[in-house]
Amino acid sequence: CIQRRIYVEILGFWTPSYRERKVQKLQQLRERGDIVLAIPEEAREAFASIAQSFPITWYANQLSATELIKLLRNRYDDVAERLALIDVDAVRQRVQSEGFLPERVCYELLHAYRRSELLQAAQLVSGQGVSFAAGIGLYQDNWMEQLRNSFVLLIESLAVPSLADLLHDARAQWPSLIDCEDATIEAILSLWPEVRVRRTSIFEATVEIVKDVEEQPYVVDDEEPAAIVPAKKSLREKRPTPKKRVVKEAAQNDLWS
């Protein structure tokens, strides 16, 4: 990807002479296209002559990083152009050849900077035996099925191995997983319903094969699962109603009897 550098100048305290020099200097730079200004609201009038020449984020008391990033994206985001640079056939051929490309490799290969861009780009190359899963990357469908079968055999041979031992043996057996982070391999395991990772603590976990699970395709769905509503009890538990304590007020005559 072509890297582009943008300069952000934050204008704060100034004297009248400083303001005049700054306006003159900025007027000379108006054709550059790589300068963003952050100017206090109270100085709108002072810098009105250059307001149409630069992208400006106006702030009061404190500059908002969120507003600055929003301005940069609106002004300089070239995601459409970057997506157009993707050679779909070349990417598919590479996935078919290597079997698996981790997500971190996909960012550079698909000219993506953010997760949302990566998902857009992955949709362009998915198909014809190539799939994408968030947190994992691009993979060849047959490669993933072979990996699945091999993992099941490995786990069964180790008899409920620890997750750490399984990750070590997996990297030794499959060179394509050597450079993968632990989280990536664990995400791959989560695609297969017959493989369960059980955590006994934040540091310890074991992996086991669950028999008689319903076969499910390993497709990552970005939609959030529907909320699970607990079933209502068939019989409503009845609780004894506490009796109110009745306090008889003493009659006026009783007080003096």
C-alpha atoms as a PDB file:
ATOM      1  CA  CYS A   1       0.000   0.000   0.000  1.00  0.00           C
ATOM      2  CA  ILE A   2       1.107   3.553  -0.634  1.00  0.00           C
ATOM      3  CA  GLN A   3       1.753   5.282   2.675  1.00  0.00           C
ATOM      4  CA  ARG A   4       0.640   8.888   2.964  1.00  0.00           C
ATOM      5  CA  ARG A   5       1.757  11.310   5.648  1.00  0.00           C
ATOM      6  CA  ILE A   6      -0.632  13.994   6.904  1.00  0.00           C
ATOM      7  CA  TYR A   7       0.527  16.901   9.058  1.00  0.00           C
ATOM      8  CA  VAL A   8      -1.758  18.181  11.812  1.00  0.00           C
ATOM      9  CA  GLU A   9      -1.091  21.623  13.274  1.00  0.00           C
ATOM     10  CA  ILE A  10      -2.850  22.604  16.470  1.00  0.00           C
ATOM     11  CA  LEU A  11      -3.255  26.359  16.779  1.00  0.00           C
ATOM     12  CA  GLY A  12      -3.628  27.559  20.350  1.00  0.00           C
ATOM     13  CA  PHE A  13      -2.311  30.693  22.011  1.00  0.00           C
ATOM     14  CA  TRP A  14      -1.185  33.436  19.675  1.00  0.00           C
ATOM     15  CA  THR A  15      -0.343  37.116  19.613  1.00  0.00           C
ATOM     16  CA  PRO A  16      -1.674  39.380  16.840  1.00  0.00           C
ATOM     17  CA  SER A  17       1.720  39.349  15.120  1.00  0.00           C
ATOM     18  CA  TYR A  18       1.929  35.562  15.358  1.00  0.00           C
ATOM     19  CA  ARG A  19      -1.552  35.238  13.905  1.00  0.00           C
ATOM     20  CA  GLU A  20      -0.669  37.402  10.905  1.00  0.00           C
ATOM     21  CA  ARG A  21       2.542  35.474  10.204  1.00  0.00           C
ATOM     22  CA  LYS A  22       0.749  32.148  10.568  1.00  0.00           C
ATOM     23  CA  VAL A  23      -2.030  33.114   8.151  1.00  0.00           C
ATOM     24  CA  GLN A  24       0.500  34.312   5.593  1.00  0.00           C
ATOM     25  CA  LYS A  25       2.523  31.111   5.866  1.00  0.00           C
ATOM     26  CA  LEU A  26      -0.567  28.896   5.581  1.00  0.00           C
ATOM     27  CA  GLN A  27      -1.739  30.814   2.507  1.00  0.00           C
ATOM     28  CA  GLN A  28       1.543  29.821   0.856  1.00  0.00           C
ATOM     29  CA  LEU A  29       0.895  26.163   1.689  1.00  0.00           C
ATOM     30  CA  ARG A  30      -2.738  25.931   0.621  1.00  0.00           C
ATOM     31  CA  GLU A  31      -1.897  23.817  -2.457  1.00  0.00           C
ATOM     32  CA  ARG A  32      -0.099  21.059  -0.547  1.00  0.00           C
ATOM     33  CA  GLY A  33      -3.142  19.003   0.397  1.00  0.00           C
ATOM     34  CA  ASP A  34      -1.449  17.237   3.318  1.00  0.00           C
ATOM     35  CA  ILE A  35      -2.103  19.717   6.139  1.00  0.00           C
ATOM     36  CA  VAL A  36      -4.949  19.580   8.648  1.00  0.00           C
ATOM     37  CA  LEU A  37      -5.578  22.394  11.102  1.00  0.00           C
ATOM     38  CA  ALA A  38      -7.086  22.305  14.586  1.00  0.00           C
ATOM     39  CA  ILE A  39      -8.273  25.798  15.534  1.00  0.00           C
ATOM     40  CA  PRO A  40     -10.123  27.078  18.630  1.00  0.00           C
ATOM     41  CA  GLU A  41     -13.713  28.148  18.082  1.00  0.00           C
ATOM     42  CA  GLU A  42     -12.897  31.618  19.405  1.00  0.00           C
ATOM     43  CA  ALA A  43     -10.428  32.115  16.564  1.00  0.00           C
ATOM     44  CA  ARG A  44     -12.834  31.488  13.671  1.00  0.00           C
ATOM     45  CA  GLU A  45     -12.853  35.123  12.637  1.00  0.00           C
ATOM     46  CA  ALA A  46      -9.077  35.445  12.857  1.00  0.00           C
ATOM     47  CA  PHE A  47      -8.512  32.517  10.475  1.00  0.00           C
ATOM     48  CA  ALA A  48     -11.544  33.039   8.254  1.00  0.00           C
ATOM     49  CA  SER A  49      -9.346  33.880   5.247  1.00  0.00           C
ATOM     50  CA  ILE A  50      -7.927  30.334   5.106  1.00  0.00           C
ATOM     51  CA  ALA A  51     -10.994  28.394   6.273  1.00  0.00           C
ATOM     52  CA  GLN A  52     -11.829  27.236   2.745  1.00  0.00           C
ATOM     53  CA  SER A  53      -8.266  26.205   1.904  1.00  0.00           C
ATOM     54  CA  PHE A  54      -7.655  23.543   4.566  1.00  0.00           C
ATOM     55  CA  PRO A  55      -9.586  20.822   6.329  1.00  0.00           C
ATOM     56  CA  ILE A  56     -10.190  22.218   9.823  1.00  0.00           C
ATOM     57  CA  THR A  57     -11.493  20.750  13.035  1.00  0.00           C
ATOM     58  CA  TRP A  58     -12.770  23.442  15.368  1.00  0.00           C
ATOM     59  CA  TYR A  59     -12.508  22.851  19.084  1.00  0.00           C
ATOM     60  CA  ALA A  60     -13.459  24.536  22.332  1.00  0.00           C
ATOM     61  CA  ASN A  61     -11.117  24.225  25.319  1.00  0.00           C
ATOM     62  CA  GLN A  62      -9.923  20.742  24.329  1.00  0.00           C
ATOM     63  CA  LEU A  63      -9.261  19.059  21.001  1.00  0.00           C
ATOM     64  CA  SER A  64     -11.321  15.914  20.413  1.00  0.00           C
ATOM     65  CA  ALA A  65      -9.293  13.028  18.997  1.00  0.00           C
ATOM     66  CA  THR A  66     -12.546  11.440  17.776  1.00  0.00           C
ATOM     67  CA  GLU A  67     -13.474  14.503  15.745  1.00  0.00           C
ATOM     68  CA  LEU A  68      -9.952  14.737  14.345  1.00  0.00           C
ATOM     69  CA  ILE A  69      -9.980  11.093  13.186  1.00  0.00           C
ATOM     70  CA  LYS A  70     -13.443  11.587  11.695  1.00  0.00           C
ATOM     71  CA  LEU A  71     -12.168  14.576   9.717  1.00  0.00           C
ATOM     72  CA  LEU A  72      -9.135  12.633   8.479  1.00  0.00           C
ATOM     73  CA  ARG A  73     -11.288   9.721   7.320  1.00  0.00           C
ATOM     74  CA  ASN A  74     -13.796  11.941   5.559  1.00  0.00           C
ATOM     75  CA  ARG A  75     -11.054  13.890   3.818  1.00  0.00           C
ATOM     76  CA  TYR A  76      -8.411  11.280   3.040  1.00  0.00           C
ATOM     77  CA  ASP A  77     -10.015   7.838   3.259  1.00  0.00           C
ATOM     78  CA  ASP A  78      -9.225   6.069  -0.015  1.00  0.00           C
ATOM     79  CA  VAL A  79     -10.720   2.682   0.812  1.00  0.00           C
ATOM     80  CA  ALA A  80     -12.519   2.452  -2.550  1.00  0.00           C
ATOM     81  CA  GLU A  81      -9.285   3.043  -4.432  1.00  0.00           C
ATOM     82  CA  ARG A  82      -7.411   0.532  -2.281  1.00  0.00           C
ATOM     83  CA  LEU A  83     -10.064  -2.139  -2.758  1.00  0.00           C
ATOM     84  CA  ALA A  84      -9.829  -1.597  -6.503  1.00  0.00           C
ATOM     85  CA  LEU A  85      -6.108  -2.453  -6.343  1.00  0.00           C
ATOM     86  CA  ILE A  86      -6.811  -6.003  -5.161  1.00  0.00           C
ATOM     87  CA  ASP A  87      -5.870  -8.637  -7.721  1.00  0.00           C
ATOM     88  CA  VAL A  88      -8.609 -11.122  -6.837  1.00  0.00           C
ATOM     89  CA  ASP A  89      -7.278 -13.929  -9.050  1.00  0.00           C
ATOM     90  CA  ALA A  90      -3.737 -13.545  -7.709  1.00  0.00           C
ATOM     91  CA  VAL A  91      -4.936 -13.622  -4.099  1.00  0.00           C
ATOM     92  CA  ARG A  92      -7.027 -16.737  -4.703  1.00  0.00           C
ATOM     93  CA  GLN A  93      -4.111 -18.461  -6.406  1.00  0.00           C
ATOM     94  CA  ARG A  94      -1.881 -17.694  -3.425  1.00  0.00           C
ATOM     95  CA  VAL A  95      -4.437 -19.074  -0.983  1.00  0.00           C
ATOM     96  CA  GLN A  96      -4.891 -22.187  -3.118  1.00  0.00           C
ATOM     97  CA  SER A  97      -1.110 -22.625  -3.184  1.00  0.00           C
ATOM     98  CA  GLU A  98      -0.343 -21.991   0.499  1.00  0.00           C
ATOM     99  CA  GLY A  99      -3.616 -23.237   1.959  1.00  0.00           C
ATOM    100  CA  PHE A 100      -3.805 -20.595   4.657  1.00  0.00           C
ATOM    101  CA  LEU A 101      -2.950 -16.911   5.067  1.00  0.00           C
ATOM    102  CA  PRO A 102      -3.144 -15.516   8.623  1.00  0.00           C
ATOM    103  CA  GLU A 103      -5.199 -12.385   9.185  1.00  0.00           C
ATOM    104  CA  ARG A 104      -2.158 -10.166   9.724  1.00  0.00           C
ATOM    105  CA  VAL A 105      -0.901 -11.136   6.240  1.00  0.00           C
ATOM    106  CA  CYS A 106      -4.327 -10.413   4.776  1.00  0.00           C
ATOM    107  CA  TYR A 107      -4.206  -6.779   5.893  1.00  0.00           C
ATOM    108  CA  GLU A 108      -1.229  -6.051   3.677  1.00  0.00           C
ATOM    109  CA  LEU A 109      -2.284  -8.346   0.857  1.00  0.00           C
ATOM    110  CA  LEU A 110      -5.772  -6.812   0.669  1.00  0.00           C
ATOM    111  CA  HIS A 111      -4.649  -3.195   1.218  1.00  0.00           C
ATOM    112  CA  ALA A 112      -6.719  -2.893   4.390  1.00  0.00           C
ATOM    113  CA  TYR A 113      -5.992  -0.721   7.423  1.00  0.00           C
ATOM    114  CA  ARG A 114      -9.011  -1.461   9.630  1.00  0.00           C
ATOM    115  CA  ARG A 115     -11.069  -4.537  10.460  1.00  0.00           C
ATOM    116  CA  SER A 116     -14.124  -3.178   8.617  1.00  0.00           C
ATOM    117  CA  GLU A 117     -12.001  -2.703   5.474  1.00  0.00           C
ATOM    118  CA  LEU A 118     -10.567  -6.202   5.789  1.00  0.00           C
ATOM    119  CA  LEU A 119     -14.056  -7.707   5.889  1.00  0.00           C
ATOM    120  CA  GLN A 120     -15.014  -5.765   2.750  1.00  0.00           C
ATOM    121  CA  ALA A 121     -11.889  -6.901   0.947  1.00  0.00           C
ATOM    122  CA  ALA A 122     -12.320 -10.523   2.028  1.00  0.00           C
ATOM    123  CA  GLN A 123     -15.777 -10.604   0.475  1.00  0.00           C
ATOM    124  CA  LEU A 124     -14.207  -9.813  -2.889  1.00  0.00           C
ATOM    125  CA  VAL A 125     -11.874 -12.805  -2.848  1.00  0.00           C
ATOM    126  CA  SER A 126     -14.067 -15.337  -1.046  1.00  0.00           C
ATOM    127  CA  GLY A 127     -15.483 -18.048  -3.264  1.00  0.00           C
ATOM    128  CA  GLN A 128     -14.179 -20.735  -5.612  1.00  0.00           C
ATOM    129  CA  GLY A 129     -12.865 -22.776  -2.705  1.00  0.00           C
ATOM    130  CA  VAL A 130     -11.520 -19.832  -0.705  1.00  0.00           C
ATOM    131  CA  SER A 131     -13.081 -18.629   2.552  1.00  0.00           C
ATOM    132  CA  PHE A 132     -12.354 -16.028   5.218  1.00  0.00           C
ATOM    133  CA  ALA A 133     -12.931 -16.065   8.968  1.00  0.00           C
ATOM    134  CA  ALA A 134     -12.408 -13.046  11.212  1.00  0.00           C
ATOM    135  CA  GLY A 135      -9.561 -13.612  13.648  1.00  0.00           C
ATOM    136  CA  ILE A 136      -8.170 -16.365  11.423  1.00  0.00           C
ATOM    137  CA  GLY A 137      -7.635 -15.218   7.837  1.00  0.00           C
ATOM    138  CA  LEU A 138      -8.071 -16.598   4.341  1.00  0.00           C
ATOM    139  CA  TYR A 139      -7.971 -20.345   3.830  1.00  0.00           C
ATOM    140  CA  GLN A 140      -8.534 -22.959   1.183  1.00  0.00           C
ATOM    141  CA  ASP A 141     -11.623 -25.015   2.043  1.00  0.00           C
ATOM    142  CA  ASN A 142     -10.019 -28.413   1.390  1.00  0.00           C
ATOM    143  CA  TRP A 143      -6.974 -27.403   3.438  1.00  0.00           C
ATOM    144  CA  MET A 144      -9.185 -26.510   6.388  1.00  0.00           C
ATOM    145  CA  GLU A 145     -11.064 -29.810   6.162  1.00  0.00           C
ATOM    146  CA  GLN A 146      -7.793 -31.749   6.120  1.00  0.00           C
ATOM    147  CA  LEU A 147      -6.551 -29.716   9.076  1.00  0.00           C
ATOM    148  CA  ARG A 148      -9.770 -30.474  10.912  1.00  0.00           C
ATOM    149  CA  ASN A 149      -9.424 -34.231  10.445  1.00  0.00           C
ATOM    150  CA  SER A 150      -5.761 -34.151  11.441  1.00  0.00           C
ATOM    151  CA  PHE A 151      -6.480 -32.134  14.573  1.00  0.00           C
ATOM    152  CA  VAL A 152      -9.182 -34.578  15.658  1.00  0.00           C
ATOM    153  CA  LEU A 153      -6.772 -37.506  15.277  1.00  0.00           C
ATOM    154  CA  LEU A 154      -4.052 -35.633  17.161  1.00  0.00           C
ATOM    155  CA  ILE A 155      -6.333 -34.713  20.051  1.00  0.00           C
ATOM    156  CA  GLU A 156      -7.617 -38.277  20.329  1.00  0.00           C
ATOM    157  CA  SER A 157      -4.074 -39.646  20.349  1.00  0.00           C
ATOM    158  CA  LEU A 158      -3.022 -37.277  23.130  1.00  0.00           C
ATOM    159  CA  ALA A 159      -6.047 -38.122  25.299  1.00  0.00           C
ATOM    160  CA  VAL A 160      -7.343 -34.745  26.549  1.00  0.00           C
ATOM    161  CA  PRO A 161      -4.167 -32.713  26.064  1.00  0.00           C
ATOM    162  CA  SER A 162      -3.552 -29.319  27.552  1.00  0.00           C
ATOM    163  CA  LEU A 163      -4.077 -26.456  25.158  1.00  0.00           C
ATOM    164  CA  ALA A 164      -0.411 -25.483  25.443  1.00  0.00           C
ATOM    165  CA  ASP A 165       0.749 -28.999  24.488  1.00  0.00           C
ATOM    166  CA  LEU A 166      -1.680 -29.138  21.569  1.00  0.00           C
ATOM    167  CA  LEU A 167      -0.496 -25.779  20.232  1.00  0.00           C
ATOM    168  CA  HIS A 168       3.125 -26.954  20.462  1.00  0.00           C
ATOM    169  CA  ASP A 169       2.444 -30.217  18.635  1.00  0.00           C
ATOM    170  CA  ALA A 170       0.270 -28.479  16.036  1.00  0.00           C
ATOM    171  CA  ARG A 171       3.058 -26.095  15.079  1.00  0.00           C
ATOM    172  CA  ALA A 172       5.478 -29.014  14.818  1.00  0.00           C
ATOM    173  CA  GLN A 173       3.119 -30.962  12.575  1.00  0.00           C
ATOM    174  CA  TRP A 174       1.815 -28.153  10.322  1.00  0.00           C
ATOM    175  CA  PRO A 175       4.450 -25.646   9.113  1.00  0.00           C
ATOM    176  CA  SER A 176       1.744 -23.194   8.045  1.00  0.00           C
ATOM    177  CA  LEU A 177       0.856 -22.707  11.736  1.00  0.00           C
ATOM    178  CA  ILE A 178       4.390 -22.026  12.989  1.00  0.00           C
ATOM    179  CA  ASP A 179       4.072 -18.234  12.852  1.00  0.00           C
ATOM    180  CA  CYS A 180       0.452 -18.149  14.016  1.00  0.00           C
ATOM    181  CA  GLU A 181      -0.386 -16.656  17.377  1.00  0.00           C
ATOM    182  CA  ASP A 182      -2.035 -18.868  19.980  1.00  0.00           C
ATOM    183  CA  ALA A 183      -5.278 -16.905  19.610  1.00  0.00           C
ATOM    184  CA  THR A 184      -5.384 -17.663  15.873  1.00  0.00           C
ATOM    185  CA  ILE A 185      -5.044 -21.417  16.352  1.00  0.00           C
ATOM    186  CA  GLU A 186      -7.610 -21.378  19.152  1.00  0.00           C
ATOM    187  CA  ALA A 187      -9.966 -19.471  16.827  1.00  0.00           C
ATOM    188  CA  ILE A 188      -9.515 -22.240  14.253  1.00  0.00           C
ATOM    189  CA  LEU A 189     -10.418 -24.837  16.889  1.00  0.00           C
ATOM    190  CA  SER A 190     -13.600 -22.896  17.648  1.00  0.00           C
ATOM    191  CA  LEU A 191     -14.799 -23.483  14.073  1.00  0.00           C
ATOM    192  CA  TRP A 192     -15.234 -27.193  14.716  1.00  0.00           C
ATOM    193  CA  PRO A 193     -18.175 -28.181  16.935  1.00  0.00           C
ATOM    194  CA  GLU A 194     -16.648 -31.530  17.940  1.00  0.00           C
ATOM    195  CA  VAL A 195     -13.599 -29.813  19.462  1.00  0.00           C
ATOM    196  CA  ARG A 196     -14.052 -28.238  22.898  1.00  0.00           C
ATOM    197  CA  VAL A 197     -11.615 -26.122  24.865  1.00  0.00           C
ATOM    198  CA  ARG A 198     -12.298 -26.297  28.580  1.00  0.00           C
ATOM    199  CA  ARG A 199     -10.681 -23.735  30.844  1.00  0.00           C
ATOM    200  CA  THR A 200     -10.020 -24.584  34.456  1.00  0.00           C
ATOM    201  CA  SER A 201      -8.429 -21.188  35.072  1.00  0.00           C
ATOM    202  CA  ILE A 202      -7.171 -18.207  33.106  1.00  0.00           C
ATOM    203  CA  PHE A 203      -3.852 -20.026  32.694  1.00  0.00           C
ATOM    204  CA  GLU A 204      -4.900 -23.660  32.263  1.00  0.00           C
ATOM    205  CA  ALA A 205      -7.054 -25.233  29.536  1.00  0.00           C
ATOM    206  CA  THR A 206      -7.580 -28.684  28.065  1.00  0.00           C
ATOM    207  CA  VAL A 207      -8.876 -29.773  24.671  1.00  0.00           C
ATOM    208  CA  GLU A 208     -11.203 -32.696  24.086  1.00  0.00           C
ATOM    209  CA  ILE A 209     -13.316 -34.299  21.399  1.00  0.00           C
ATOM    210  CA  VAL A 210     -17.053 -34.293  21.978  1.00  0.00           C
ATOM    211  CA  LYS A 211     -18.840 -37.215  20.378  1.00  0.00           C
ATOM    212  CA  ASP A 212     -22.297 -37.201  18.792  1.00  0.00           C
ATOM    213  CA  VAL A 213     -22.340 -33.483  18.036  1.00  0.00           C
ATOM    214  CA  GLU A 214     -24.513 -32.251  15.219  1.00  0.00           C
ATOM    215  CA  GLU A 215     -22.467 -31.557  12.111  1.00  0.00           C
ATOM    216  CA  GLN A 216     -22.210 -27.828  11.403  1.00  0.00           C
ATOM    217  CA  PRO A 217     -20.478 -25.923   8.618  1.00  0.00           C
ATOM    218  CA  TYR A 218     -17.715 -23.699   9.944  1.00  0.00           C
ATOM    219  CA  VAL A 219     -18.923 -20.361   8.689  1.00  0.00           C
ATOM    220  CA  VAL A 220     -18.258 -17.232  10.694  1.00  0.00           C
ATOM    221  CA  ASP A 221     -21.343 -15.044  10.955  1.00  0.00           C
ATOM    222  CA  ASP A 222     -20.728 -11.395  11.823  1.00  0.00           C
ATOM    223  CA  GLU A 223     -24.269 -10.948  13.082  1.00  0.00           C
ATOM    224  CA  GLU A 224     -24.753 -11.060  16.794  1.00  0.00           C
ATOM    225  CA  PRO A 225     -26.607 -14.133  18.080  1.00  0.00           C
ATOM    226  CA  ALA A 226     -30.164 -13.661  19.168  1.00  0.00           C
ATOM    227  CA  ALA A 227     -30.667 -13.129  22.837  1.00  0.00           C
ATOM    228  CA  ILE A 228     -31.528 -16.285  24.756  1.00  0.00           C
ATOM    229  CA  VAL A 229     -34.702 -15.936  26.701  1.00  0.00           C
ATOM    230  CA  PRO A 230     -34.939 -18.355  29.623  1.00  0.00           C
ATOM    231  CA  ALA A 231     -37.996 -20.631  29.598  1.00  0.00           C
ATOM    232  CA  LYS A 232     -40.723 -19.848  32.049  1.00  0.00           C
ATOM    233  CA  LYS A 233     -41.269 -22.217  34.934  1.00  0.00           C
ATOM    234  CA  SER A 234     -44.287 -24.451  34.516  1.00  0.00           C
ATOM    235  CA  LEU A 235     -45.337 -23.971  38.089  1.00  0.00           C
ATOM    236  CA  ARG A 236     -44.922 -20.635  39.680  1.00  0.00           C
ATOM    237  CA  GLU A 237     -43.347 -20.906  43.039  1.00  0.00           C
ATOM    238  CA  LYS A 238     -45.698 -19.729  45.694  1.00  0.00           C
ATOM    239  CA  ARG A 239     -44.292 -17.890  48.590  1.00  0.00           C
ATOM    240  CA  PRO A 240     -46.203 -17.504  51.847  1.00  0.00           C
ATOM    241  CA  THR A 241     -47.622 -14.054  52.190  1.00  0.00           C
ATOM    242  CA  PRO A 242     -46.420 -12.533  55.440  1.00  0.00           C
ATOM    243  CA  LYS A 243     -49.253 -11.546  57.734  1.00  0.00           C
ATOM    244  CA  LYS A 244     -49.489  -7.941  58.643  1.00  0.00           C
ATOM    245  CA  ARG A 245     -48.932  -7.198  62.252  1.00  0.00           C
ATOM    246  CA  VAL A 246     -51.991  -5.586  63.751  1.00  0.00           C
ATOM    247  CA  VAL A 247     -51.369  -3.226  66.620  1.00  0.00           C
ATOM    248  CA  LYS A 248     -54.441  -2.236  68.547  1.00  0.00           C
ATOM    249  CA  GLU A 249     -54.386   1.309  69.675  1.00  0.00           C
ATOM    250  CA  ALA A 250     -55.184   1.771  73.312  1.00  0.00           C
ATOM    251  CA  ALA A 251     -58.416   3.527  74.071  1.00  0.00           C
ATOM    252  CA  GLN A 252     -58.177   6.880  75.783  1.00  0.00           C
ATOM    253  CA  ASN A 253     -59.897   5.477  78.863  1.00  0.00           C
ATOM    254  CA  ASP A 254     -57.380   2.646  79.183  1.00  0.00           C
ATOM    255  CA  LEU A 255     -54.541   5.095  79.613  1.00  0.00           C
ATOM    256  CA  TRP A 256     -55.921   6.456  82.815  1.00  0.00           C
ATOM    257  CA  SER A 257     -57.513   3.369  84.309  1.00  0.00           C
END
